[in-house]
Amino acid sequence: MLREEGDQSDTLKEVIVLAVEIAREGREGRRIGTMFVVSDSEEVLKRSRNLILDPLYGHPEKVKHIEDVDMRETVKELAQLDGAFVVTDEGVVVSACRYLDAFSEGISLPLGLGSRHMAAASITKQTSSVAVVVSESSVVRIIDDGEIVSEIIPELWMFKRYNAYLNKEGKKVEKEIIVSTVGEEV
């Protein structure tokens, strides 16, 4: 179930905006893929490990908030490295470069998606988190409870309004999601 109230909703919106920016801009002239796991951060950390020394470890929380411009630029640079970002409900990026323990049992994804999507589906099935995946093909997918609940095509992002197709109890439901770019009012 996607979080729709309070800190979780605001944090999820910030992460989605950042993910779309990464999908549109890439880095160093090339497209990159990355993943954010939002909410239930303690459980996510228990089910993951670092691939390299964590570049965010030891830095104070006050400088690791997802809405902070400097942190957003740091995340864009770190997104070039392998692994996922773990983000708390309050919007603190607590870890980067995380390898998520992934299990494919009970997960059914469309053909053509890779291990990043499998890991996202697996961690959201095991925890109460939501994953936001940036594909190297520049599509942003939101995964909740092991299922893709939304796909965002960055080119359409310019309209600021897009429809997310949510799969609830086997039915496709259209829900309008409105988010803004950094610093703009919706």
N, C-alpha and C. Protein backbone atom coordinates (compact mmCIF):
# COMPACT_ATOMS: atom_id res chain seq x y z
N MET A 1 0.83 -1.18 0.00
CA MET A 1 0.00 0.00 0.00
C MET A 1 0.87 1.23 0.00
N LEU A 2 0.68 2.10 -0.93
CA LEU A 2 1.47 3.32 -1.00
C LEU A 2 1.07 4.24 0.14
N ARG A 3 2.06 4.85 0.74
CA ARG A 3 1.80 5.77 1.83
C ARG A 3 1.18 7.03 1.26
N GLU A 4 0.14 7.51 1.89
CA GLU A 4 -0.54 8.69 1.33
C GLU A 4 -0.68 9.83 2.33
N GLU A 5 -0.11 9.69 3.51
CA GLU A 5 -0.27 10.74 4.51
C GLU A 5 1.04 11.02 5.18
N GLY A 6 1.20 12.25 5.68
CA GLY A 6 2.30 12.59 6.55
C GLY A 6 3.66 12.56 5.89
N ASP A 7 4.68 12.31 6.75
CA ASP A 7 6.07 12.33 6.31
C ASP A 7 6.33 11.37 5.16
N GLN A 8 5.73 10.17 5.23
CA GLN A 8 5.99 9.18 4.20
C GLN A 8 5.60 9.71 2.82
N SER A 9 4.44 10.32 2.73
CA SER A 9 3.96 10.84 1.45
C SER A 9 4.88 11.95 0.93
N ASP A 10 5.25 12.87 1.80
CA ASP A 10 6.13 13.96 1.39
C ASP A 10 7.49 13.42 0.97
N THR A 11 8.02 12.48 1.74
CA THR A 11 9.31 11.88 1.41
C THR A 11 9.23 11.14 0.09
N LEU A 12 8.17 10.36 -0.10
CA LEU A 12 8.01 9.61 -1.34
C LEU A 12 7.93 10.56 -2.53
N LYS A 13 7.22 11.67 -2.40
CA LYS A 13 7.15 12.65 -3.48
C LYS A 13 8.52 13.22 -3.80
N GLU A 14 9.29 13.57 -2.77
CA GLU A 14 10.64 14.10 -2.97
C GLU A 14 11.53 13.09 -3.69
N VAL A 15 11.43 11.83 -3.28
CA VAL A 15 12.23 10.78 -3.91
C VAL A 15 11.82 10.60 -5.37
N ILE A 16 10.53 10.61 -5.64
CA ILE A 16 10.06 10.45 -7.02
C ILE A 16 10.57 11.60 -7.90
N VAL A 17 10.49 12.82 -7.39
CA VAL A 17 10.99 13.98 -8.15
C VAL A 17 12.48 13.81 -8.43
N LEU A 18 13.24 13.41 -7.41
CA LEU A 18 14.68 13.20 -7.59
C LEU A 18 14.96 12.08 -8.59
N ALA A 19 14.20 11.01 -8.51
CA ALA A 19 14.37 9.89 -9.44
C ALA A 19 14.11 10.33 -10.89
N VAL A 20 13.09 11.13 -11.09
CA VAL A 20 12.79 11.62 -12.44
C VAL A 20 13.91 12.54 -12.92
N GLU A 21 14.45 13.36 -12.04
CA GLU A 21 15.57 14.21 -12.42
C GLU A 21 16.76 13.36 -12.87
N ILE A 22 17.06 12.31 -12.11
CA ILE A 22 18.17 11.42 -12.47
C ILE A 22 17.90 10.74 -13.80
N ALA A 23 16.66 10.30 -14.02
CA ALA A 23 16.30 9.64 -15.28
C ALA A 23 16.44 10.60 -16.46
N ARG A 24 16.04 11.85 -16.27
CA ARG A 24 16.10 12.83 -17.36
C ARG A 24 17.51 13.33 -17.61
N GLU A 25 18.25 13.60 -16.54
CA GLU A 25 19.55 14.23 -16.68
C GLU A 25 20.69 13.24 -16.92
N GLY A 26 20.58 12.06 -16.31
CA GLY A 26 21.70 11.14 -16.34
C GLY A 26 22.88 11.75 -15.60
N ARG A 27 24.07 11.28 -15.93
CA ARG A 27 25.28 11.81 -15.29
C ARG A 27 26.44 11.63 -16.24
N GLU A 28 27.27 12.65 -16.34
CA GLU A 28 28.45 12.57 -17.20
C GLU A 28 28.08 12.20 -18.63
N GLY A 29 26.93 12.66 -19.10
CA GLY A 29 26.52 12.42 -20.47
C GLY A 29 25.98 11.03 -20.77
N ARG A 30 25.70 10.25 -19.74
CA ARG A 30 25.14 8.91 -19.97
C ARG A 30 23.98 8.66 -19.02
N ARG A 31 23.12 7.74 -19.43
CA ARG A 31 21.99 7.36 -18.59
C ARG A 31 22.46 6.44 -17.48
N ILE A 32 21.86 6.59 -16.32
CA ILE A 32 22.21 5.72 -15.21
C ILE A 32 20.95 5.18 -14.56
N GLY A 33 21.09 4.07 -13.88
CA GLY A 33 20.00 3.49 -13.13
C GLY A 33 20.36 3.49 -11.65
N THR A 34 19.34 3.57 -10.82
CA THR A 34 19.55 3.52 -9.37
C THR A 34 18.24 3.12 -8.70
N MET A 35 18.28 3.00 -7.39
CA MET A 35 17.08 2.62 -6.64
C MET A 35 17.06 3.31 -5.29
N PHE A 36 15.86 3.70 -4.88
CA PHE A 36 15.62 4.26 -3.56
C PHE A 36 14.63 3.34 -2.85
N VAL A 37 14.90 3.04 -1.59
CA VAL A 37 13.95 2.27 -0.79
C VAL A 37 13.51 3.19 0.34
N VAL A 38 12.22 3.52 0.35
CA VAL A 38 11.67 4.51 1.26
C VAL A 38 10.81 3.83 2.31
N SER A 39 11.04 4.19 3.56
CA SER A 39 10.25 3.73 4.71
C SER A 39 10.76 2.39 5.24
N ASP A 40 10.40 2.09 6.48
CA ASP A 40 10.80 0.85 7.16
C ASP A 40 12.31 0.64 7.04
N SER A 41 13.06 1.73 7.21
CA SER A 41 14.50 1.71 6.95
C SER A 41 15.28 0.73 7.84
N GLU A 42 14.86 0.56 9.08
CA GLU A 42 15.57 -0.38 9.96
C GLU A 42 15.49 -1.80 9.42
N GLU A 43 14.32 -2.21 8.96
CA GLU A 43 14.16 -3.56 8.40
C GLU A 43 14.91 -3.70 7.08
N VAL A 44 14.89 -2.64 6.28
CA VAL A 44 15.62 -2.67 5.01
C VAL A 44 17.12 -2.82 5.28
N LEU A 45 17.64 -2.10 6.25
CA LEU A 45 19.06 -2.20 6.58
C LEU A 45 19.41 -3.61 7.07
N LYS A 46 18.51 -4.25 7.81
CA LYS A 46 18.75 -5.61 8.28
C LYS A 46 18.81 -6.61 7.12
N ARG A 47 18.12 -6.31 6.02
CA ARG A 47 18.04 -7.21 4.87
C ARG A 47 18.94 -6.76 3.72
N SER A 48 20.00 -6.04 4.06
CA SER A 48 20.92 -5.54 3.04
C SER A 48 22.31 -5.37 3.65
N ARG A 49 23.26 -5.11 2.76
CA ARG A 49 24.62 -4.83 3.21
C ARG A 49 25.25 -3.88 2.20
N ASN A 50 26.35 -3.25 2.60
CA ASN A 50 27.02 -2.33 1.69
C ASN A 50 27.91 -3.07 0.71
N LEU A 51 27.94 -2.57 -0.52
CA LEU A 51 28.82 -3.11 -1.54
C LEU A 51 30.22 -2.53 -1.42
N ILE A 52 30.29 -1.29 -0.99
CA ILE A 52 31.56 -0.60 -0.74
C ILE A 52 31.39 0.12 0.59
N LEU A 53 32.42 0.79 1.06
CA LEU A 53 32.26 1.58 2.27
C LEU A 53 31.17 2.61 2.02
N ASP A 54 30.25 2.73 2.96
CA ASP A 54 29.10 3.62 2.80
C ASP A 54 29.55 5.08 2.81
N PRO A 55 29.38 5.78 1.69
CA PRO A 55 29.83 7.17 1.61
C PRO A 55 29.03 8.12 2.50
N LEU A 56 27.87 7.69 3.02
CA LEU A 56 27.06 8.55 3.88
C LEU A 56 27.28 8.26 5.36
N TYR A 57 27.97 7.18 5.66
CA TYR A 57 28.17 6.78 7.05
C TYR A 57 28.95 7.85 7.82
N GLY A 58 28.46 8.16 9.02
CA GLY A 58 29.15 9.10 9.89
C GLY A 58 28.80 10.55 9.70
N HIS A 59 28.07 10.87 8.63
CA HIS A 59 27.65 12.25 8.42
C HIS A 59 26.39 12.53 9.24
N PRO A 60 26.25 13.73 9.77
CA PRO A 60 25.07 14.04 10.60
C PRO A 60 23.77 14.01 9.79
N GLU A 61 22.70 13.60 10.46
CA GLU A 61 21.39 13.52 9.81
C GLU A 61 20.98 14.84 9.18
N LYS A 62 21.31 15.94 9.82
CA LYS A 62 20.83 17.24 9.35
C LYS A 62 21.32 17.58 7.94
N VAL A 63 22.39 16.94 7.47
CA VAL A 63 22.87 17.20 6.11
C VAL A 63 22.45 16.12 5.12
N LYS A 64 21.69 15.14 5.59
CA LYS A 64 21.32 14.01 4.72
C LYS A 64 19.82 13.98 4.39
N HIS A 65 19.13 15.12 4.49
CA HIS A 65 17.70 15.17 4.15
C HIS A 65 17.53 15.27 2.64
N ILE A 66 16.61 14.49 2.11
CA ILE A 66 16.40 14.36 0.66
C ILE A 66 15.98 15.68 0.01
N GLU A 67 15.36 16.58 0.77
CA GLU A 67 14.92 17.84 0.17
C GLU A 67 16.04 18.88 0.12
N ASP A 68 17.15 18.63 0.80
CA ASP A 68 18.29 19.55 0.80
C ASP A 68 18.98 19.52 -0.57
N VAL A 69 19.21 20.68 -1.15
CA VAL A 69 19.78 20.78 -2.49
C VAL A 69 21.16 20.12 -2.57
N ASP A 70 21.99 20.34 -1.57
CA ASP A 70 23.32 19.74 -1.57
C ASP A 70 23.24 18.22 -1.49
N MET A 71 22.32 17.71 -0.69
CA MET A 71 22.17 16.26 -0.59
C MET A 71 21.67 15.68 -1.90
N ARG A 72 20.76 16.37 -2.56
CA ARG A 72 20.24 15.89 -3.85
C ARG A 72 21.37 15.77 -4.87
N GLU A 73 22.25 16.74 -4.92
CA GLU A 73 23.38 16.68 -5.84
C GLU A 73 24.34 15.55 -5.44
N THR A 74 24.52 15.34 -4.15
CA THR A 74 25.35 14.23 -3.68
C THR A 74 24.75 12.90 -4.11
N VAL A 75 23.43 12.76 -3.95
CA VAL A 75 22.75 11.53 -4.37
C VAL A 75 22.91 11.31 -5.86
N LYS A 76 22.80 12.37 -6.65
CA LYS A 76 22.96 12.23 -8.11
C LYS A 76 24.36 11.71 -8.46
N GLU A 77 25.37 12.17 -7.74
CA GLU A 77 26.72 11.67 -7.98
C GLU A 77 26.86 10.22 -7.52
N LEU A 78 26.34 9.91 -6.33
CA LEU A 78 26.45 8.55 -5.79
C LEU A 78 25.61 7.55 -6.58
N ALA A 79 24.60 8.03 -7.30
CA ALA A 79 23.74 7.14 -8.09
C ALA A 79 24.53 6.43 -9.18
N GLN A 80 25.68 6.96 -9.53
CA GLN A 80 26.53 6.31 -10.53
C GLN A 80 27.14 5.01 -10.00
N LEU A 81 27.18 4.88 -8.68
CA LEU A 81 27.71 3.67 -8.05
C LEU A 81 26.61 2.63 -7.96
N ASP A 82 26.99 1.39 -7.84
CA ASP A 82 26.01 0.31 -7.75
C ASP A 82 25.37 0.30 -6.37
N GLY A 83 24.14 -0.19 -6.31
CA GLY A 83 23.46 -0.33 -5.03
C GLY A 83 22.34 0.66 -4.83
N ALA A 84 21.59 0.46 -3.76
CA ALA A 84 20.39 1.24 -3.47
C ALA A 84 20.65 2.28 -2.38
N PHE A 85 19.79 3.29 -2.37
CA PHE A 85 19.75 4.27 -1.29
C PHE A 85 18.63 3.86 -0.34
N VAL A 86 18.84 4.00 0.97
CA VAL A 86 17.81 3.73 1.96
C VAL A 86 17.41 5.06 2.57
N VAL A 87 16.09 5.35 2.53
CA VAL A 87 15.57 6.65 2.96
C VAL A 87 14.52 6.42 4.06
N THR A 88 14.62 7.16 5.16
CA THR A 88 13.65 7.04 6.25
C THR A 88 12.35 7.74 5.90
N ASP A 89 11.32 7.49 6.69
CA ASP A 89 10.03 8.17 6.50
C ASP A 89 10.19 9.69 6.57
N GLU A 90 11.14 10.14 7.39
CA GLU A 90 11.36 11.58 7.57
C GLU A 90 12.21 12.20 6.47
N GLY A 91 12.69 11.39 5.53
CA GLY A 91 13.45 11.92 4.40
C GLY A 91 14.94 11.95 4.58
N VAL A 92 15.46 11.22 5.55
CA VAL A 92 16.91 11.15 5.75
C VAL A 92 17.45 9.98 4.94
N VAL A 93 18.44 10.24 4.10
CA VAL A 93 19.10 9.18 3.34
C VAL A 93 20.13 8.57 4.29
N VAL A 94 19.81 7.40 4.84
CA VAL A 94 20.66 6.82 5.89
C VAL A 94 21.79 5.97 5.34
N SER A 95 21.68 5.52 4.10
CA SER A 95 22.73 4.67 3.54
C SER A 95 22.68 4.69 2.02
N ALA A 96 23.84 4.47 1.42
CA ALA A 96 23.96 4.39 -0.04
C ALA A 96 24.75 3.14 -0.39
N CYS A 97 24.67 2.74 -1.65
CA CYS A 97 25.43 1.60 -2.16
C CYS A 97 25.07 0.30 -1.45
N ARG A 98 23.78 0.10 -1.16
CA ARG A 98 23.32 -1.09 -0.45
C ARG A 98 22.98 -2.20 -1.42
N TYR A 99 23.44 -3.40 -1.10
CA TYR A 99 23.05 -4.62 -1.80
C TYR A 99 21.87 -5.19 -1.04
N LEU A 100 20.73 -5.32 -1.70
CA LEU A 100 19.52 -5.83 -1.06
C LEU A 100 19.44 -7.34 -1.23
N ASP A 101 19.19 -8.04 -0.13
CA ASP A 101 18.98 -9.48 -0.22
C ASP A 101 17.68 -9.71 -0.98
N ALA A 102 17.76 -10.35 -2.12
CA ALA A 102 16.59 -10.52 -2.99
C ALA A 102 16.19 -11.99 -3.11
N PHE A 103 14.89 -12.22 -3.06
CA PHE A 103 14.32 -13.54 -3.24
C PHE A 103 13.25 -13.43 -4.31
N SER A 104 13.27 -14.33 -5.27
CA SER A 104 12.32 -14.25 -6.38
C SER A 104 11.01 -14.99 -6.09
N GLU A 105 10.97 -15.76 -5.04
CA GLU A 105 9.76 -16.53 -4.73
C GLU A 105 8.58 -15.59 -4.48
N GLY A 106 7.49 -15.82 -5.20
CA GLY A 106 6.29 -15.01 -5.05
C GLY A 106 6.33 -13.69 -5.78
N ILE A 107 7.39 -13.45 -6.56
CA ILE A 107 7.53 -12.19 -7.31
C ILE A 107 7.32 -12.49 -8.78
N SER A 108 6.46 -11.69 -9.41
CA SER A 108 6.20 -11.83 -10.84
C SER A 108 6.34 -10.46 -11.50
N LEU A 109 7.43 -10.29 -12.23
CA LEU A 109 7.69 -9.03 -12.92
C LEU A 109 7.63 -9.26 -14.43
N PRO A 110 7.35 -8.21 -15.19
CA PRO A 110 7.35 -8.35 -16.64
C PRO A 110 8.73 -8.77 -17.15
N LEU A 111 8.74 -9.54 -18.21
CA LEU A 111 10.00 -9.95 -18.82
C LEU A 111 10.77 -8.71 -19.27
N GLY A 112 12.08 -8.79 -19.17
CA GLY A 112 12.92 -7.69 -19.62
C GLY A 112 13.43 -6.81 -18.50
N LEU A 113 12.84 -6.92 -17.31
CA LEU A 113 13.34 -6.14 -16.18
C LEU A 113 14.44 -6.95 -15.50
N GLY A 114 15.42 -6.26 -14.96
CA GLY A 114 16.59 -6.94 -14.43
C GLY A 114 16.63 -7.07 -12.92
N SER A 115 17.83 -7.28 -12.43
CA SER A 115 18.03 -7.58 -11.01
C SER A 115 17.68 -6.39 -10.11
N ARG A 116 17.84 -5.17 -10.59
CA ARG A 116 17.47 -4.00 -9.79
C ARG A 116 15.98 -4.03 -9.46
N HIS A 117 15.18 -4.35 -10.46
CA HIS A 117 13.74 -4.42 -10.24
C HIS A 117 13.36 -5.61 -9.36
N MET A 118 14.05 -6.74 -9.55
CA MET A 118 13.79 -7.91 -8.70
C MET A 118 14.13 -7.60 -7.24
N ALA A 119 15.26 -6.94 -7.02
CA ALA A 119 15.64 -6.58 -5.66
C ALA A 119 14.61 -5.62 -5.04
N ALA A 120 14.13 -4.67 -5.84
CA ALA A 120 13.12 -3.73 -5.35
C ALA A 120 11.83 -4.44 -5.00
N ALA A 121 11.39 -5.34 -5.87
CA ALA A 121 10.16 -6.09 -5.60
C ALA A 121 10.32 -6.95 -4.36
N SER A 122 11.47 -7.59 -4.23
CA SER A 122 11.72 -8.47 -3.10
C SER A 122 11.72 -7.72 -1.77
N ILE A 123 12.43 -6.59 -1.71
CA ILE A 123 12.53 -5.87 -0.43
C ILE A 123 11.19 -5.27 -0.04
N THR A 124 10.38 -4.86 -1.02
CA THR A 124 9.07 -4.31 -0.67
C THR A 124 8.08 -5.40 -0.29
N LYS A 125 8.33 -6.61 -0.72
CA LYS A 125 7.50 -7.76 -0.32
C LYS A 125 7.85 -8.17 1.12
N GLN A 126 9.12 -8.04 1.49
CA GLN A 126 9.59 -8.46 2.81
C GLN A 126 9.40 -7.40 3.90
N THR A 127 9.27 -6.14 3.51
CA THR A 127 9.19 -5.04 4.47
C THR A 127 8.00 -4.14 4.14
N SER A 128 7.83 -3.10 4.91
CA SER A 128 6.77 -2.12 4.65
C SER A 128 7.30 -0.92 3.88
N SER A 129 8.26 -1.17 3.02
CA SER A 129 8.88 -0.09 2.26
C SER A 129 8.27 0.03 0.87
N VAL A 130 8.61 1.11 0.20
CA VAL A 130 8.25 1.35 -1.20
C VAL A 130 9.56 1.63 -1.93
N ALA A 131 9.74 1.04 -3.09
CA ALA A 131 10.96 1.27 -3.87
C ALA A 131 10.66 2.14 -5.08
N VAL A 132 11.59 3.03 -5.38
CA VAL A 132 11.53 3.86 -6.57
C VAL A 132 12.78 3.50 -7.38
N VAL A 133 12.55 2.93 -8.56
CA VAL A 133 13.65 2.42 -9.38
C VAL A 133 13.80 3.28 -10.63
N VAL A 134 15.02 3.73 -10.88
CA VAL A 134 15.35 4.43 -12.11
C VAL A 134 16.03 3.41 -13.00
N SER A 135 15.40 3.11 -14.12
CA SER A 135 15.96 2.17 -15.07
C SER A 135 16.95 2.89 -15.97
N GLU A 136 17.93 2.15 -16.47
CA GLU A 136 18.89 2.76 -17.40
C GLU A 136 18.22 3.17 -18.71
N SER A 137 16.99 2.70 -18.93
CA SER A 137 16.22 3.14 -20.09
C SER A 137 15.44 4.42 -19.78
N SER A 138 15.71 5.01 -18.61
CA SER A 138 15.12 6.28 -18.16
C SER A 138 13.66 6.21 -17.78
N VAL A 139 13.17 5.04 -17.45
CA VAL A 139 11.81 4.90 -16.93
C VAL A 139 11.92 4.79 -15.41
N VAL A 140 11.04 5.47 -14.71
CA VAL A 140 11.00 5.39 -13.25
C VAL A 140 9.81 4.52 -12.87
N ARG A 141 10.07 3.49 -12.07
CA ARG A 141 9.00 2.59 -11.62
C ARG A 141 8.90 2.64 -10.12
N ILE A 142 7.66 2.64 -9.63
CA ILE A 142 7.40 2.60 -8.20
C ILE A 142 6.90 1.21 -7.89
N ILE A 143 7.53 0.57 -6.90
CA ILE A 143 7.21 -0.81 -6.56
C ILE A 143 6.80 -0.86 -5.10
N ASP A 144 5.67 -1.51 -4.84
CA ASP A 144 5.13 -1.65 -3.49
C ASP A 144 4.60 -3.06 -3.32
N ASP A 145 4.90 -3.67 -2.22
CA ASP A 145 4.46 -5.03 -1.90
C ASP A 145 4.78 -6.01 -3.03
N GLY A 146 5.95 -5.85 -3.62
CA GLY A 146 6.42 -6.77 -4.64
C GLY A 146 5.86 -6.56 -6.03
N GLU A 147 5.09 -5.50 -6.23
CA GLU A 147 4.47 -5.25 -7.53
C GLU A 147 4.75 -3.84 -8.03
N ILE A 148 4.86 -3.72 -9.34
CA ILE A 148 4.99 -2.39 -9.95
C ILE A 148 3.62 -1.73 -9.88
N VAL A 149 3.58 -0.57 -9.22
CA VAL A 149 2.30 0.13 -9.08
C VAL A 149 2.24 1.38 -9.94
N SER A 150 3.38 1.80 -10.47
CA SER A 150 3.38 2.99 -11.31
C SER A 150 4.63 3.01 -12.17
N GLU A 151 4.49 3.56 -13.37
CA GLU A 151 5.61 3.82 -14.26
C GLU A 151 5.54 5.28 -14.68
N ILE A 152 6.67 5.94 -14.65
CA ILE A 152 6.74 7.35 -15.04
C ILE A 152 7.70 7.46 -16.21
N ILE A 153 7.21 8.04 -17.29
CA ILE A 153 8.03 8.33 -18.46
C ILE A 153 8.50 9.78 -18.30
N PRO A 154 9.80 10.00 -18.12
CA PRO A 154 10.29 11.34 -17.82
C PRO A 154 9.87 12.42 -18.82
N GLU A 155 9.74 12.07 -20.09
CA GLU A 155 9.32 13.07 -21.08
C GLU A 155 7.94 13.64 -20.75
N LEU A 156 7.09 12.81 -20.17
CA LEU A 156 5.76 13.27 -19.79
C LEU A 156 5.79 14.06 -18.49
N TRP A 157 6.89 13.95 -17.78
CA TRP A 157 7.04 14.63 -16.50
C TRP A 157 6.90 16.14 -16.64
N MET A 158 7.25 16.65 -17.80
CA MET A 158 7.20 18.08 -18.03
C MET A 158 5.80 18.64 -17.83
N PHE A 159 4.81 17.80 -17.94
CA PHE A 159 3.43 18.24 -17.75
C PHE A 159 3.08 18.40 -16.27
N LYS A 160 3.95 17.90 -15.38
CA LYS A 160 3.79 17.96 -13.93
C LYS A 160 2.63 17.12 -13.41
N ARG A 161 1.81 16.65 -14.26
CA ARG A 161 0.71 15.80 -13.84
C ARG A 161 0.79 14.54 -14.67
N TYR A 162 0.63 13.44 -14.02
CA TYR A 162 0.64 12.19 -14.73
C TYR A 162 -0.29 11.23 -14.01
N ASN A 163 -0.69 10.22 -14.71
CA ASN A 163 -1.57 9.23 -14.12
C ASN A 163 -0.77 8.00 -13.75
N ALA A 164 -1.00 7.52 -12.56
CA ALA A 164 -0.37 6.28 -12.12
C ALA A 164 -1.44 5.21 -12.17
N TYR A 165 -1.09 4.09 -12.72
CA TYR A 165 -2.04 3.00 -12.78
C TYR A 165 -1.72 2.05 -11.64
N LEU A 166 -2.61 2.02 -10.65
CA LEU A 166 -2.38 1.25 -9.45
C LEU A 166 -3.15 -0.05 -9.54
N ASN A 167 -2.49 -1.14 -9.19
CA ASN A 167 -3.13 -2.44 -9.21
C ASN A 167 -3.58 -2.77 -7.80
N LYS A 168 -4.86 -2.64 -7.53
CA LYS A 168 -5.41 -2.94 -6.21
C LYS A 168 -6.43 -4.05 -6.38
N GLU A 169 -6.18 -5.12 -5.70
CA GLU A 169 -7.10 -6.26 -5.72
C GLU A 169 -7.42 -6.69 -7.16
N GLY A 170 -6.39 -6.68 -7.99
CA GLY A 170 -6.55 -7.16 -9.35
C GLY A 170 -7.19 -6.19 -10.31
N LYS A 171 -7.49 -4.98 -9.87
CA LYS A 171 -8.13 -4.00 -10.74
C LYS A 171 -7.15 -2.87 -11.03
N LYS A 172 -7.21 -2.40 -12.25
CA LYS A 172 -6.42 -1.23 -12.61
C LYS A 172 -7.23 0.01 -12.22
N VAL A 173 -6.62 0.88 -11.44
CA VAL A 173 -7.29 2.08 -10.97
C VAL A 173 -6.44 3.26 -11.39
N GLU A 174 -7.06 4.26 -11.97
CA GLU A 174 -6.32 5.44 -12.38
C GLU A 174 -6.37 6.46 -11.25
N LYS A 175 -5.20 6.96 -10.88
CA LYS A 175 -5.11 7.95 -9.81
C LYS A 175 -4.18 9.06 -10.27
N GLU A 176 -4.63 10.28 -10.17
CA GLU A 176 -3.79 11.40 -10.57
C GLU A 176 -2.85 11.74 -9.42
N ILE A 177 -1.57 11.84 -9.74
CA ILE A 177 -0.56 12.22 -8.76
C ILE A 177 0.00 13.54 -9.23
N ILE A 178 0.04 14.51 -8.34
CA ILE A 178 0.57 15.81 -8.70
C ILE A 178 1.79 16.06 -7.81
N VAL A 179 2.91 16.28 -8.43
CA VAL A 179 4.12 16.65 -7.69
C VAL A 179 4.75 17.81 -8.42
N SER A 180 5.64 18.48 -7.76
CA SER A 180 6.28 19.63 -8.39
C SER A 180 7.78 19.40 -8.45
N THR A 181 8.42 20.21 -9.28
CA THR A 181 9.86 20.18 -9.28
C THR A 181 10.32 20.98 -8.07
N VAL A 182 11.56 20.85 -7.72
CA VAL A 182 12.09 21.48 -6.51
C VAL A 182 11.86 22.97 -6.55
N GLY A 183 11.28 23.50 -5.49
CA GLY A 183 11.09 24.93 -5.37
C GLY A 183 9.83 25.48 -6.01
N GLU A 184 9.07 24.67 -6.69
CA GLU A 184 7.84 25.15 -7.32
C GLU A 184 6.62 24.74 -6.51
N GLU A 185 5.61 25.56 -6.53
CA GLU A 185 4.34 25.24 -5.90
C GLU A 185 3.49 24.46 -6.89
N VAL A 186 2.72 23.52 -6.41
CA VAL A 186 1.80 22.76 -7.27
C VAL A 186 0.48 23.46 -7.33
